[in-house]
């Protein structure tokens, strides 16, 4: 699969680095959510949930761009007709939909609550942990599909 061409290899490296970044960001987000569940101080919650947009989580969208680009310029081993590429696309759609519709709005709500009330409830922290677990599970399925390439 690799060493097809220089542009393909650069896209492959970008795809792998994007996947590592996505995993790292999602793990940090989960740890921040767990801190609420574990009852950290109000000051710590303010530090972990600032009242601004989470652009780091959107690195997920680079996976689609780099993956589709590789499929378009690569040979038939990475074409869109391959089942594992389809699984990757479905996983991306599921993860992006969940991230944008559920996780990031919940994170913004927690940040607003922390900014106004000083701390978020344990239940909201649990909701965010479950949401992050869902995202990490979807990413794990995509990773297995990419490594297995059935």
C-alpha atoms as a PDB file:
ATOM      1  CA  UNK A   1       0.000   0.000   0.000  1.00  0.00           C
ATOM      2  CA  UNK A   2       2.748   2.505   0.817  1.00  0.00           C
ATOM      3  CA  UNK A   3       5.546   3.571  -1.514  1.00  0.00           C
ATOM      4  CA  UNK A   4       3.149   4.091  -4.418  1.00  0.00           C
ATOM      5  CA  UNK A   5       4.238   7.673  -5.010  1.00  0.00           C
ATOM      6  CA  UNK A   6       5.591  10.593  -3.036  1.00  0.00           C
ATOM      7  CA  UNK A   7       2.201  12.379  -2.831  1.00  0.00           C
ATOM      8  CA  UNK A   8       0.500   9.167  -1.709  1.00  0.00           C
ATOM      9  CA  UNK A   9       3.147   8.561   0.957  1.00  0.00           C
ATOM     10  CA  UNK A  10       2.810  12.136   2.226  1.00  0.00           C
ATOM     11  CA  UNK A  11      -0.952  11.697   2.463  1.00  0.00           C
ATOM     12  CA  UNK A  12      -0.446   8.386   4.250  1.00  0.00           C
ATOM     13  CA  UNK A  13       1.809  10.053   6.829  1.00  0.00           C
ATOM     14  CA  UNK A  14      -0.737  12.863   7.244  1.00  0.00           C
ATOM     15  CA  UNK A  15      -3.502  10.273   7.688  1.00  0.00           C
ATOM     16  CA  UNK A  16      -1.574   8.361  10.364  1.00  0.00           C
ATOM     17  CA  UNK A  17      -0.576  11.559  12.194  1.00  0.00           C
ATOM     18  CA  UNK A  18      -4.191  12.749  12.073  1.00  0.00           C
ATOM     19  CA  UNK A  19      -5.362   9.448  13.561  1.00  0.00           C
ATOM     20  CA  UNK A  20      -2.804   9.719  16.380  1.00  0.00           C
ATOM     21  CA  UNK A  21      -3.881  13.318  17.031  1.00  0.00           C
ATOM     22  CA  UNK A  22      -7.569  12.319  17.083  1.00  0.00           C
ATOM     23  CA  UNK A  23      -6.868   9.560  19.574  1.00  0.00           C
ATOM     24  CA  UNK A  24      -4.807  11.890  21.792  1.00  0.00           C
ATOM     25  CA  UNK A  25      -7.439  14.658  21.754  1.00  0.00           C
ATOM     26  CA  UNK A  26     -10.258  12.225  22.523  1.00  0.00           C
ATOM     27  CA  UNK A  27      -8.327  10.661  25.411  1.00  0.00           C
ATOM     28  CA  UNK A  28      -7.616  14.111  26.884  1.00  0.00           C
ATOM     29  CA  UNK A  29     -11.296  15.028  26.505  1.00  0.00           C
ATOM     30  CA  UNK A  30     -12.290  11.807  28.272  1.00  0.00           C
ATOM     31  CA  UNK A  31      -9.842  12.505  31.108  1.00  0.00           C
ATOM     32  CA  UNK A  32     -11.302  16.004  31.507  1.00  0.00           C
ATOM     33  CA  UNK A  33     -14.805  14.510  31.695  1.00  0.00           C
ATOM     34  CA  UNK A  34     -13.615  11.951  34.255  1.00  0.00           C
ATOM     35  CA  UNK A  35     -12.230  14.771  36.370  1.00  0.00           C
ATOM     36  CA  UNK A  36     -15.779  16.094  36.780  1.00  0.00           C
ATOM     37  CA  UNK A  37     -16.988  12.641  37.785  1.00  0.00           C
ATOM     38  CA  UNK A  38     -14.139  12.393  40.289  1.00  0.00           C
ATOM     39  CA  UNK A  39     -15.055  15.765  41.802  1.00  0.00           C
ATOM     40  CA  UNK A  40     -12.092  18.010  41.028  1.00  0.00           C
ATOM     41  CA  UNK A  41     -12.081  21.561  42.312  1.00  0.00           C
ATOM     42  CA  UNK A  42     -14.021  24.355  40.645  1.00  0.00           C
ATOM     43  CA  UNK A  43     -10.768  25.992  39.562  1.00  0.00           C
ATOM     44  CA  UNK A  44      -9.612  22.773  37.892  1.00  0.00           C
ATOM     45  CA  UNK A  45     -12.936  22.468  36.073  1.00  0.00           C
ATOM     46  CA  UNK A  46     -12.588  26.047  34.832  1.00  0.00           C
ATOM     47  CA  UNK A  47      -9.126  25.220  33.533  1.00  0.00           C
ATOM     48  CA  UNK A  48     -10.264  22.041  31.757  1.00  0.00           C
ATOM     49  CA  UNK A  49     -13.475  23.494  30.309  1.00  0.00           C
ATOM     50  CA  UNK A  50     -12.730  27.017  29.060  1.00  0.00           C
ATOM     51  CA  UNK A  51     -15.631  28.882  27.437  1.00  0.00           C
ATOM     52  CA  UNK A  52     -14.383  28.570  23.844  1.00  0.00           C
ATOM     53  CA  UNK A  53     -14.804  26.280  20.862  1.00  0.00           C
ATOM     54  CA  UNK A  54     -12.896  23.010  20.824  1.00  0.00           C
ATOM     55  CA  UNK A  55     -11.079  23.173  17.493  1.00  0.00           C
ATOM     56  CA  UNK A  56      -8.688  20.369  18.443  1.00  0.00           C
ATOM     57  CA  UNK A  57     -11.476  17.775  18.332  1.00  0.00           C
ATOM     58  CA  UNK A  58     -12.155  18.719  14.729  1.00  0.00           C
ATOM     59  CA  UNK A  59      -8.830  17.238  13.635  1.00  0.00           C
ATOM     60  CA  UNK A  60     -11.097  14.215  13.048  1.00  0.00           C
ATOM     61  CA  UNK A  61     -12.122  15.804   9.750  1.00  0.00           C
ATOM     62  CA  UNK A  62      -8.537  15.546   8.467  1.00  0.00           C
ATOM     63  CA  UNK A  63      -8.976  11.770   8.470  1.00  0.00           C
ATOM     64  CA  UNK A  64     -11.661  12.049   5.817  1.00  0.00           C
ATOM     65  CA  UNK A  65      -9.665  14.460   3.681  1.00  0.00           C
ATOM     66  CA  UNK A  66      -6.453  12.439   3.785  1.00  0.00           C
ATOM     67  CA  UNK A  67      -8.207   9.075   3.447  1.00  0.00           C
ATOM     68  CA  UNK A  68     -10.307  10.091   0.452  1.00  0.00           C
ATOM     69  CA  UNK A  69      -7.302  11.732  -1.171  1.00  0.00           C
ATOM     70  CA  UNK A  70      -5.313   8.519  -0.795  1.00  0.00           C
ATOM     71  CA  UNK A  71      -8.166   6.539  -2.329  1.00  0.00           C
ATOM     72  CA  UNK A  72      -8.370   8.904  -5.276  1.00  0.00           C
ATOM     73  CA  UNK A  73      -4.664   8.964  -6.142  1.00  0.00           C
ATOM     74  CA  UNK A  74      -3.766   5.427  -5.042  1.00  0.00           C
ATOM     75  CA  UNK A  75      -4.032   2.159  -6.924  1.00  0.00           C
ATOM     76  CA  UNK A  76      -6.831  -0.401  -6.678  1.00  0.00           C
ATOM     77  CA  UNK A  77      -5.581  -1.657  -3.298  1.00  0.00           C
ATOM     78  CA  UNK A  78      -6.941   1.526  -1.708  1.00  0.00           C
ATOM     79  CA  UNK A  79      -9.882   2.257  -3.987  1.00  0.00           C
ATOM     80  CA  UNK A  80     -13.289   3.238  -2.687  1.00  0.00           C
ATOM     81  CA  UNK A  81     -14.612  -0.196  -3.720  1.00  0.00           C
ATOM     82  CA  UNK A  82     -12.572  -1.930  -0.991  1.00  0.00           C
ATOM     83  CA  UNK A  83     -14.703  -3.011   1.993  1.00  0.00           C
ATOM     84  CA  UNK A  84     -12.244  -1.707   4.583  1.00  0.00           C
ATOM     85  CA  UNK A  85     -12.303   1.745   2.957  1.00  0.00           C
ATOM     86  CA  UNK A  86     -16.109   1.650   3.210  1.00  0.00           C
ATOM     87  CA  UNK A  87     -15.878   0.699   6.879  1.00  0.00           C
ATOM     88  CA  UNK A  88     -13.500   3.622   7.408  1.00  0.00           C
ATOM     89  CA  UNK A  89     -15.926   6.006   5.721  1.00  0.00           C
ATOM     90  CA  UNK A  90     -18.854   4.725   7.773  1.00  0.00           C
ATOM     91  CA  UNK A  91     -16.831   5.029  10.963  1.00  0.00           C
ATOM     92  CA  UNK A  92     -15.861   8.582  10.021  1.00  0.00           C
ATOM     93  CA  UNK A  93     -19.506   9.509   9.371  1.00  0.00           C
ATOM     94  CA  UNK A  94     -20.579   7.971  12.679  1.00  0.00           C
ATOM     95  CA  UNK A  95     -17.761   9.624  14.637  1.00  0.00           C
ATOM     96  CA  UNK A  96     -18.172  13.037  12.978  1.00  0.00           C
ATOM     97  CA  UNK A  97     -21.932  12.958  13.462  1.00  0.00           C
ATOM     98  CA  UNK A  98     -21.622  11.975  17.112  1.00  0.00           C
ATOM     99  CA  UNK A  99     -18.867  14.526  17.720  1.00  0.00           C
ATOM    100  CA  UNK A 100     -20.732  17.445  16.170  1.00  0.00           C
ATOM    101  CA  UNK A 101     -24.264  16.530  17.309  1.00  0.00           C
ATOM    102  CA  UNK A 102     -23.650  15.158  20.789  1.00  0.00           C
ATOM    103  CA  UNK A 103     -20.142  15.525  22.212  1.00  0.00           C
ATOM    104  CA  UNK A 104     -19.186  19.098  21.362  1.00  0.00           C
ATOM    105  CA  UNK A 105     -22.591  20.577  22.311  1.00  0.00           C
ATOM    106  CA  UNK A 106     -22.389  18.728  25.636  1.00  0.00           C
ATOM    107  CA  UNK A 107     -18.857  19.975  26.188  1.00  0.00           C
ATOM    108  CA  UNK A 108     -19.984  23.557  25.432  1.00  0.00           C
ATOM    109  CA  UNK A 109     -22.858  23.179  27.882  1.00  0.00           C
ATOM    110  CA  UNK A 110     -20.466  21.970  30.572  1.00  0.00           C
ATOM    111  CA  UNK A 111     -18.129  24.905  29.865  1.00  0.00           C
ATOM    112  CA  UNK A 112     -21.047  27.360  30.177  1.00  0.00           C
ATOM    113  CA  UNK A 113     -22.226  25.769  33.423  1.00  0.00           C
ATOM    114  CA  UNK A 114     -18.690  25.846  34.830  1.00  0.00           C
ATOM    115  CA  UNK A 115     -18.298  29.507  33.803  1.00  0.00           C
ATOM    116  CA  UNK A 116     -21.581  30.537  35.471  1.00  0.00           C
ATOM    117  CA  UNK A 117     -21.963  28.172  38.416  1.00  0.00           C
ATOM    118  CA  UNK A 118     -18.354  27.268  39.113  1.00  0.00           C
ATOM    119  CA  UNK A 119     -18.705  23.534  38.557  1.00  0.00           C
ATOM    120  CA  UNK A 120     -20.623  20.987  36.508  1.00  0.00           C
ATOM    121  CA  UNK A 121     -22.660  18.129  37.933  1.00  0.00           C
ATOM    122  CA  UNK A 122     -21.311  14.611  38.145  1.00  0.00           C
ATOM    123  CA  UNK A 123     -24.128  13.439  35.868  1.00  0.00           C
ATOM    124  CA  UNK A 124     -23.033  15.803  33.090  1.00  0.00           C
ATOM    125  CA  UNK A 125     -19.509  14.529  33.519  1.00  0.00           C
ATOM    126  CA  UNK A 126     -20.772  10.964  33.163  1.00  0.00           C
ATOM    127  CA  UNK A 127     -22.687  11.902  30.013  1.00  0.00           C
ATOM    128  CA  UNK A 128     -19.516  13.329  28.492  1.00  0.00           C
ATOM    129  CA  UNK A 129     -17.515  10.249  29.503  1.00  0.00           C
ATOM    130  CA  UNK A 130     -20.094   8.007  27.772  1.00  0.00           C
ATOM    131  CA  UNK A 131     -19.985  10.216  24.706  1.00  0.00           C
ATOM    132  CA  UNK A 132     -16.196  10.031  24.587  1.00  0.00           C
ATOM    133  CA  UNK A 133     -16.329   6.259  25.069  1.00  0.00           C
ATOM    134  CA  UNK A 134     -18.632   6.058  22.049  1.00  0.00           C
ATOM    135  CA  UNK A 135     -16.220   8.099  19.947  1.00  0.00           C
ATOM    136  CA  UNK A 136     -13.227   6.052  21.057  1.00  0.00           C
ATOM    137  CA  UNK A 137     -15.084   2.822  20.251  1.00  0.00           C
ATOM    138  CA  UNK A 138     -15.885   4.069  16.740  1.00  0.00           C
ATOM    139  CA  UNK A 139     -12.253   5.056  16.226  1.00  0.00           C
ATOM    140  CA  UNK A 140     -11.180   1.608  17.471  1.00  0.00           C
ATOM    141  CA  UNK A 141     -13.418  -0.095  14.890  1.00  0.00           C
ATOM    142  CA  UNK A 142     -11.891   2.076  12.151  1.00  0.00           C
ATOM    143  CA  UNK A 143      -8.380   1.292  13.382  1.00  0.00           C
ATOM    144  CA  UNK A 144      -9.047  -2.449  13.315  1.00  0.00           C
ATOM    145  CA  UNK A 145     -10.465  -2.153   9.780  1.00  0.00           C
ATOM    146  CA  UNK A 146      -7.452  -0.144   8.600  1.00  0.00           C
ATOM    147  CA  UNK A 147      -4.962  -2.597  10.112  1.00  0.00           C
ATOM    148  CA  UNK A 148      -6.811  -5.742   9.073  1.00  0.00           C
ATOM    149  CA  UNK A 149      -7.765  -4.610   5.552  1.00  0.00           C
ATOM    150  CA  UNK A 150     -10.078  -7.527   4.914  1.00  0.00           C
END
